[in-house]
Amino acid sequence: MRSLVVHIDRDLCIGAATCAAVAPKAFHIDDEAKAIILDTVEEETDEAIIEAARSCPVAAIIVKNIKGERVFPK
């Protein structure tokens, strides 16, 4: 079971695609040039997901632990 909960703020997302480059099993850029979370997100490591969130130039990826505490951005 995934120990992280991931959310993308699509209003903030600028489609830089760094998340998809860092964690391609978790993120993809859709037809609207916005990041989406893939069904294969479970195949990606927690470390890769956090690194992908850190790579986002506008901090559009919010990562929380299973307790609901924000992991990134803090």
PDB file of N, CA and C in Angstrom:
ATOM      1  N   MET A   1       0.841  -1.181   0.000  1.00  0.00           N
ATOM      2  CA  MET A   1       0.000   0.000   0.000  1.00  0.00           C
ATOM      3  C   MET A   1       0.890   1.249   0.000  1.00  0.00           C
ATOM      4  N   ARG A   2       0.509   2.234  -0.768  1.00  0.00           N
ATOM      5  CA  ARG A   2       1.252   3.488  -0.890  1.00  0.00           C
ATOM      6  C   ARG A   2       1.234   4.209   0.452  1.00  0.00           C
ATOM      7  N   SER A   3       2.396   4.697   0.878  1.00  0.00           N
ATOM      8  CA  SER A   3       2.477   5.421   2.148  1.00  0.00           C
ATOM      9  C   SER A   3       2.320   6.926   1.956  1.00  0.00           C
ATOM     10  N   LEU A   4       2.130   7.346   0.705  1.00  0.00           N
ATOM     11  CA  LEU A   4       1.958   8.760   0.396  1.00  0.00           C
ATOM     12  C   LEU A   4       0.652   8.992  -0.341  1.00  0.00           C
ATOM     13  N   VAL A   5       0.100  10.174  -0.157  1.00  0.00           N
ATOM     14  CA  VAL A   5      -1.069  10.616  -0.910  1.00  0.00           C
ATOM     15  C   VAL A   5      -0.603  11.796  -1.754  1.00  0.00           C
ATOM     16  N   VAL A   6      -0.882  11.725  -3.053  1.00  0.00           N
ATOM     17  CA  VAL A   6      -0.392  12.741  -3.984  1.00  0.00           C
ATOM     18  C   VAL A   6      -1.568  13.477  -4.612  1.00  0.00           C
ATOM     19  N   HIS A   7      -1.433  14.790  -4.713  1.00  0.00           N
ATOM     20  CA  HIS A   7      -2.455  15.630  -5.338  1.00  0.00           C
ATOM     21  C   HIS A   7      -1.757  16.645  -6.236  1.00  0.00           C
ATOM     22  N   ILE A   8      -2.360  16.944  -7.368  1.00  0.00           N
ATOM     23  CA  ILE A   8      -1.833  17.980  -8.258  1.00  0.00           C
ATOM     24  C   ILE A   8      -2.810  19.145  -8.277  1.00  0.00           C
ATOM     25  N   ASP A   9      -2.304  20.329  -8.008  1.00  0.00           N
ATOM     26  CA  ASP A   9      -3.105  21.546  -8.131  1.00  0.00           C
ATOM     27  C   ASP A   9      -3.020  21.982  -9.592  1.00  0.00           C
ATOM     28  N   ARG A  10      -4.014  21.603 -10.371  1.00  0.00           N
ATOM     29  CA  ARG A  10      -3.989  21.862 -11.815  1.00  0.00           C
ATOM     30  C   ARG A  10      -4.076  23.354 -12.138  1.00  0.00           C
ATOM     31  N   ASP A  11      -4.573  24.154 -11.211  1.00  0.00           N
ATOM     32  CA  ASP A  11      -4.579  25.602 -11.434  1.00  0.00           C
ATOM     33  C   ASP A  11      -3.159  26.167 -11.388  1.00  0.00           C
ATOM     34  N   LEU A  12      -2.301  25.560 -10.582  1.00  0.00           N
ATOM     35  CA  LEU A  12      -0.905  25.994 -10.492  1.00  0.00           C
ATOM     36  C   LEU A  12      -0.029  25.394 -11.586  1.00  0.00           C
ATOM     37  N   CYS A  13      -0.350  24.196 -12.023  1.00  0.00           N
ATOM     38  CA  CYS A  13       0.492  23.464 -12.973  1.00  0.00           C
ATOM     39  C   CYS A  13       0.685  24.261 -14.268  1.00  0.00           C
ATOM     40  N   ILE A  14       1.960  24.351 -14.695  1.00  0.00           N
ATOM     41  CA  ILE A  14       2.278  25.049 -15.948  1.00  0.00           C
ATOM     42  C   ILE A  14       2.739  24.078 -17.036  1.00  0.00           C
ATOM     43  N   GLY A  15       2.682  22.781 -16.754  1.00  0.00           N
ATOM     44  CA  GLY A  15       3.048  21.785 -17.757  1.00  0.00           C
ATOM     45  C   GLY A  15       4.534  21.694 -18.038  1.00  0.00           C
ATOM     46  N   ALA A  16       5.366  22.004 -17.061  1.00  0.00           N
ATOM     47  CA  ALA A  16       6.821  21.953 -17.252  1.00  0.00           C
ATOM     48  C   ALA A  16       7.311  20.530 -17.514  1.00  0.00           C
ATOM     49  N   ALA A  17       6.569  19.544 -17.070  1.00  0.00           N
ATOM     50  CA  ALA A  17       6.836  18.119 -17.306  1.00  0.00           C
ATOM     51  C   ALA A  17       8.031  17.564 -16.548  1.00  0.00           C
ATOM     52  N   THR A  18       8.559  18.303 -15.592  1.00  0.00           N
ATOM     53  CA  THR A  18       9.660  17.749 -14.806  1.00  0.00           C
ATOM     54  C   THR A  18       9.190  16.562 -13.973  1.00  0.00           C
ATOM     55  N   CYS A  19       7.967  16.600 -13.506  1.00  0.00           N
ATOM     56  CA  CYS A  19       7.434  15.483 -12.723  1.00  0.00           C
ATOM     57  C   CYS A  19       7.395  14.205 -13.555  1.00  0.00           C
ATOM     58  N   ALA A  20       6.955  14.319 -14.795  1.00  0.00           N
ATOM     59  CA  ALA A  20       6.878  13.157 -15.682  1.00  0.00           C
ATOM     60  C   ALA A  20       8.263  12.630 -16.034  1.00  0.00           C
ATOM     61  N   ALA A  21       9.245  13.512 -16.109  1.00  0.00           N
ATOM     62  CA  ALA A  21      10.615  13.087 -16.399  1.00  0.00           C
ATOM     63  C   ALA A  21      11.229  12.359 -15.206  1.00  0.00           C
ATOM     64  N   VAL A  22      10.942  12.832 -14.003  1.00  0.00           N
ATOM     65  CA  VAL A  22      11.521  12.249 -12.789  1.00  0.00           C
ATOM     66  C   VAL A  22      10.788  10.975 -12.361  1.00  0.00           C
ATOM     67  N   ALA A  23       9.475  10.953 -12.487  1.00  0.00           N
ATOM     68  CA  ALA A  23       8.666   9.812 -12.040  1.00  0.00           C
ATOM     69  C   ALA A  23       7.647   9.442 -13.122  1.00  0.00           C
ATOM     70  N   PRO A  24       8.108   8.850 -14.220  1.00  0.00           N
ATOM     71  CA  PRO A  24       7.221   8.580 -15.360  1.00  0.00           C
ATOM     72  C   PRO A  24       6.119   7.556 -15.105  1.00  0.00           C
ATOM     73  N   LYS A  25       6.243   6.749 -14.065  1.00  0.00           N
ATOM     74  CA  LYS A  25       5.173   5.807 -13.733  1.00  0.00           C
ATOM     75  C   LYS A  25       4.084   6.472 -12.896  1.00  0.00           C
ATOM     76  N   ALA A  26       4.368   7.682 -12.418  1.00  0.00           N
ATOM     77  CA  ALA A  26       3.417   8.387 -11.560  1.00  0.00           C
ATOM     78  C   ALA A  26       2.719   9.544 -12.258  1.00  0.00           C
ATOM     79  N   PHE A  27       3.453  10.240 -13.136  1.00  0.00           N
ATOM     80  CA  PHE A  27       2.921  11.473 -13.726  1.00  0.00           C
ATOM     81  C   PHE A  27       3.016  11.471 -15.247  1.00  0.00           C
ATOM     82  N   HIS A  28       2.074  12.186 -15.853  1.00  0.00           N
ATOM     83  CA  HIS A  28       2.032  12.348 -17.309  1.00  0.00           C
ATOM     84  C   HIS A  28       1.450  13.735 -17.586  1.00  0.00           C
ATOM     85  N   ILE A  29       1.803  14.297 -18.724  1.00  0.00           N
ATOM     86  CA  ILE A  29       1.228  15.578 -19.128  1.00  0.00           C
ATOM     87  C   ILE A  29       0.091  15.289 -20.109  1.00  0.00           C
ATOM     88  N   ASP A  30      -1.100  15.785 -19.805  1.00  0.00           N
ATOM     89  CA  ASP A  30      -2.278  15.479 -20.626  1.00  0.00           C
ATOM     90  C   ASP A  30      -2.430  16.445 -21.801  1.00  0.00           C
ATOM     91  N   ASP A  31      -3.535  16.323 -22.512  1.00  0.00           N
ATOM     92  CA  ASP A  31      -3.802  17.147 -23.698  1.00  0.00           C
ATOM     93  C   ASP A  31      -3.983  18.632 -23.377  1.00  0.00           C
ATOM     94  N   GLU A  32      -4.240  18.947 -22.114  1.00  0.00           N
ATOM     95  CA  GLU A  32      -4.379  20.342 -21.687  1.00  0.00           C
ATOM     96  C   GLU A  32      -3.049  20.911 -21.188  1.00  0.00           C
ATOM     97  N   ALA A  33      -1.961  20.153 -21.388  1.00  0.00           N
ATOM     98  CA  ALA A  33      -0.614  20.536 -20.931  1.00  0.00           C
ATOM     99  C   ALA A  33      -0.562  20.698 -19.411  1.00  0.00           C
ATOM    100  N   LYS A  34      -1.254  19.812 -18.727  1.00  0.00           N
ATOM    101  CA  LYS A  34      -1.272  19.785 -17.263  1.00  0.00           C
ATOM    102  C   LYS A  34      -0.886  18.384 -16.798  1.00  0.00           C
ATOM    103  N   ALA A  35      -0.247  18.314 -15.637  1.00  0.00           N
ATOM    104  CA  ALA A  35       0.140  17.022 -15.082  1.00  0.00           C
ATOM    105  C   ALA A  35      -1.083  16.268 -14.572  1.00  0.00           C
ATOM    106  N   ILE A  36      -1.034  14.959 -14.741  1.00  0.00           N
ATOM    107  CA  ILE A  36      -2.042  14.063 -14.177  1.00  0.00           C
ATOM    108  C   ILE A  36      -1.315  12.934 -13.453  1.00  0.00           C
ATOM    109  N   ILE A  37      -2.007  12.316 -12.516  1.00  0.00           N
ATOM    110  CA  ILE A  37      -1.471  11.168 -11.794  1.00  0.00           C
ATOM    111  C   ILE A  37      -1.940   9.915 -12.520  1.00  0.00           C
ATOM    112  N   LEU A  38      -0.998   9.061 -12.866  1.00  0.00           N
ATOM    113  CA  LEU A  38      -1.302   7.845 -13.607  1.00  0.00           C
ATOM    114  C   LEU A  38      -1.782   6.723 -12.687  1.00  0.00           C
ATOM    115  N   ASP A  39      -2.508   5.767 -13.269  1.00  0.00           N
ATOM    116  CA  ASP A  39      -2.935   4.586 -12.522  1.00  0.00           C
ATOM    117  C   ASP A  39      -1.736   3.765 -12.051  1.00  0.00           C
ATOM    118  N   THR A  40      -0.603   3.921 -12.726  1.00  0.00           N
ATOM    119  CA  THR A  40       0.607   3.172 -12.381  1.00  0.00           C
ATOM    120  C   THR A  40       1.428   3.855 -11.286  1.00  0.00           C
ATOM    121  N   VAL A  41       0.873   4.846 -10.616  1.00  0.00           N
ATOM    122  CA  VAL A  41       1.584   5.574  -9.562  1.00  0.00           C
ATOM    123  C   VAL A  41       2.108   4.624  -8.483  1.00  0.00           C
ATOM    124  N   GLU A  42       1.386   3.541  -8.223  1.00  0.00           N
ATOM    125  CA  GLU A  42       1.795   2.576  -7.192  1.00  0.00           C
ATOM    126  C   GLU A  42       3.120   1.900  -7.533  1.00  0.00           C
ATOM    127  N   GLU A  43       3.495   1.899  -8.810  1.00  0.00           N
ATOM    128  CA  GLU A  43       4.743   1.272  -9.238  1.00  0.00           C
ATOM    129  C   GLU A  43       5.955   2.175  -9.008  1.00  0.00           C
ATOM    130  N   GLU A  44       5.713   3.427  -8.706  1.00  0.00           N
ATOM    131  CA  GLU A  44       6.798   4.392  -8.503  1.00  0.00           C
ATOM    132  C   GLU A  44       7.197   4.408  -7.029  1.00  0.00           C
ATOM    133  N   THR A  45       8.457   4.656  -6.748  1.00  0.00           N
ATOM    134  CA  THR A  45       8.909   4.710  -5.357  1.00  0.00           C
ATOM    135  C   THR A  45       8.479   6.023  -4.701  1.00  0.00           C
ATOM    136  N   ASP A  46       8.354   5.982  -3.383  1.00  0.00           N
ATOM    137  CA  ASP A  46       8.033   7.200  -2.634  1.00  0.00           C
ATOM    138  C   ASP A  46       9.097   8.261  -2.877  1.00  0.00           C
ATOM    139  N   GLU A  47      10.352   7.835  -2.921  1.00  0.00           N
ATOM    140  CA  GLU A  47      11.460   8.767  -3.134  1.00  0.00           C
ATOM    141  C   GLU A  47      11.326   9.482  -4.475  1.00  0.00           C
ATOM    142  N   ALA A  48      10.967   8.733  -5.523  1.00  0.00           N
ATOM    143  CA  ALA A  48      10.805   9.336  -6.850  1.00  0.00           C
ATOM    144  C   ALA A  48       9.641  10.322  -6.865  1.00  0.00           C
ATOM    145  N   ILE A  49       8.566   9.996  -6.174  1.00  0.00           N
ATOM    146  CA  ILE A  49       7.412  10.896  -6.123  1.00  0.00           C
ATOM    147  C   ILE A  49       7.769  12.194  -5.397  1.00  0.00           C
ATOM    148  N   ILE A  50       8.474  12.082  -4.287  1.00  0.00           N
ATOM    149  CA  ILE A  50       8.891  13.290  -3.563  1.00  0.00           C
ATOM    150  C   ILE A  50       9.864  14.101  -4.407  1.00  0.00           C
ATOM    151  N   GLU A  51      10.785  13.438  -5.080  1.00  0.00           N
ATOM    152  CA  GLU A  51      11.737  14.146  -5.943  1.00  0.00           C
ATOM    153  C   GLU A  51      11.000  14.839  -7.096  1.00  0.00           C
ATOM    154  N   ALA A  52       9.990  14.186  -7.648  1.00  0.00           N
ATOM    155  CA  ALA A  52       9.192  14.800  -8.714  1.00  0.00           C
ATOM    156  C   ALA A  52       8.482  16.047  -8.194  1.00  0.00           C
ATOM    157  N   ALA A  53       7.937  15.968  -6.989  1.00  0.00           N
ATOM    158  CA  ALA A  53       7.281  17.137  -6.388  1.00  0.00           C
ATOM    159  C   ALA A  53       8.284  18.268  -6.190  1.00  0.00           C
ATOM    160  N   ARG A  54       9.472  17.930  -5.733  1.00  0.00           N
ATOM    161  CA  ARG A  54      10.518  18.950  -5.543  1.00  0.00           C
ATOM    162  C   ARG A  54      10.942  19.580  -6.866  1.00  0.00           C
ATOM    163  N   SER A  55      10.862  18.811  -7.944  1.00  0.00           N
ATOM    164  CA  SER A  55      11.304  19.309  -9.252  1.00  0.00           C
ATOM    165  C   SER A  55      10.304  20.262  -9.897  1.00  0.00           C
ATOM    166  N   CYS A  56       9.079  20.285  -9.400  1.00  0.00           N
ATOM    167  CA  CYS A  56       8.047  21.145  -9.984  1.00  0.00           C
ATOM    168  C   CYS A  56       8.384  22.614  -9.715  1.00  0.00           C
ATOM    169  N   PRO A  57       8.525  23.422 -10.772  1.00  0.00           N
ATOM    170  CA  PRO A  57       8.923  24.818 -10.578  1.00  0.00           C
ATOM    171  C   PRO A  57       7.871  25.691  -9.896  1.00  0.00           C
ATOM    172  N   VAL A  58       6.627  25.228  -9.840  1.00  0.00           N
ATOM    173  CA  VAL A  58       5.569  26.032  -9.212  1.00  0.00           C
ATOM    174  C   VAL A  58       4.939  25.337  -8.001  1.00  0.00           C
ATOM    175  N   ALA A  59       5.544  24.247  -7.543  1.00  0.00           N
ATOM    176  CA  ALA A  59       5.060  23.496  -6.373  1.00  0.00           C
ATOM    177  C   ALA A  59       3.589  23.101  -6.509  1.00  0.00           C
ATOM    178  N   ALA A  60       3.232  22.590  -7.693  1.00  0.00           N
ATOM    179  CA  ALA A  60       1.848  22.181  -7.948  1.00  0.00           C
ATOM    180  C   ALA A  60       1.542  20.775  -7.436  1.00  0.00           C
ATOM    181  N   ILE A  61       2.566  20.035  -7.025  1.00  0.00           N
ATOM    182  CA  ILE A  61       2.371  18.671  -6.531  1.00  0.00           C
ATOM    183  C   ILE A  61       2.438  18.696  -5.011  1.00  0.00           C
ATOM    184  N   ILE A  62       1.357  18.258  -4.387  1.00  0.00           N
ATOM    185  CA  ILE A  62       1.278  18.212  -2.932  1.00  0.00           C
ATOM    186  C   ILE A  62       1.369  16.755  -2.511  1.00  0.00           C
ATOM    187  N   VAL A  63       2.290  16.480  -1.604  1.00  0.00           N
ATOM    188  CA  VAL A  63       2.493  15.121  -1.115  1.00  0.00           C
ATOM    189  C   VAL A  63       2.232  15.110   0.387  1.00  0.00           C
ATOM    190  N   LYS A  64       1.365  14.181   0.812  1.00  0.00           N
ATOM    191  CA  LYS A  64       1.064  14.013   2.236  1.00  0.00           C
ATOM    192  C   LYS A  64       1.327  12.562   2.624  1.00  0.00           C
ATOM    193  N   ASN A  65       1.595  12.345   3.913  1.00  0.00           N
ATOM    194  CA  ASN A  65       1.722  10.969   4.383  1.00  0.00           C
ATOM    195  C   ASN A  65       0.328  10.429   4.688  1.00  0.00           C
ATOM    196  N   ILE A  66       0.253   9.167   5.083  1.00  0.00           N
ATOM    197  CA  ILE A  66      -1.064   8.556   5.287  1.00  0.00           C
ATOM    198  C   ILE A  66      -1.816   9.148   6.482  1.00  0.00           C
ATOM    199  N   LYS A  67      -1.109   9.892   7.331  1.00  0.00           N
ATOM    200  CA  LYS A  67      -1.760  10.584   8.446  1.00  0.00           C
ATOM    201  C   LYS A  67      -2.339  11.925   8.013  1.00  0.00           C
ATOM    202  N   GLY A  68      -2.081  12.304   6.753  1.00  0.00           N
ATOM    203  CA  GLY A  68      -2.571  13.578   6.249  1.00  0.00           C
ATOM    204  C   GLY A  68      -1.627  14.736   6.478  1.00  0.00           C
ATOM    205  N   GLU A  69      -0.429  14.437   6.981  1.00  0.00           N
ATOM    206  CA  GLU A  69       0.564  15.484   7.228  1.00  0.00           C
ATOM    207  C   GLU A  69       1.319  15.787   5.941  1.00  0.00           C
ATOM    208  N   ARG A  70       1.494  17.049   5.661  1.00  0.00           N
ATOM    209  CA  ARG A  70       2.161  17.461   4.429  1.00  0.00           C
ATOM    210  C   ARG A  70       3.643  17.102   4.485  1.00  0.00           C
ATOM    211  N   VAL A  71       4.098  16.412   3.445  1.00  0.00           N
ATOM    212  CA  VAL A  71       5.500  16.040   3.298  1.00  0.00           C
ATOM    213  C   VAL A  71       6.202  17.062   2.413  1.00  0.00           C
ATOM    214  N   PHE A  72       5.503  17.471   1.337  1.00  0.00           N
ATOM    215  CA  PHE A  72       6.029  18.487   0.423  1.00  0.00           C
ATOM    216  C   PHE A  72       4.874  19.161  -0.292  1.00  0.00           C
ATOM    217  N   PRO A  73       4.912  20.465  -0.522  1.00  0.00           N
ATOM    218  CA  PRO A  73       5.826  21.412   0.119  1.00  0.00           C
ATOM    219  C   PRO A  73       5.429  21.610   1.571  1.00  0.00           C
ATOM    220  N   LYS A  74       6.379  21.953   2.384  1.00  0.00           N
ATOM    221  CA  LYS A  74       6.121  22.109   3.827  1.00  0.00           C
ATOM    222  C   LYS A  74       5.535  23.455   4.136  1.00  0.00           C
TER     223      LYS A  74
END
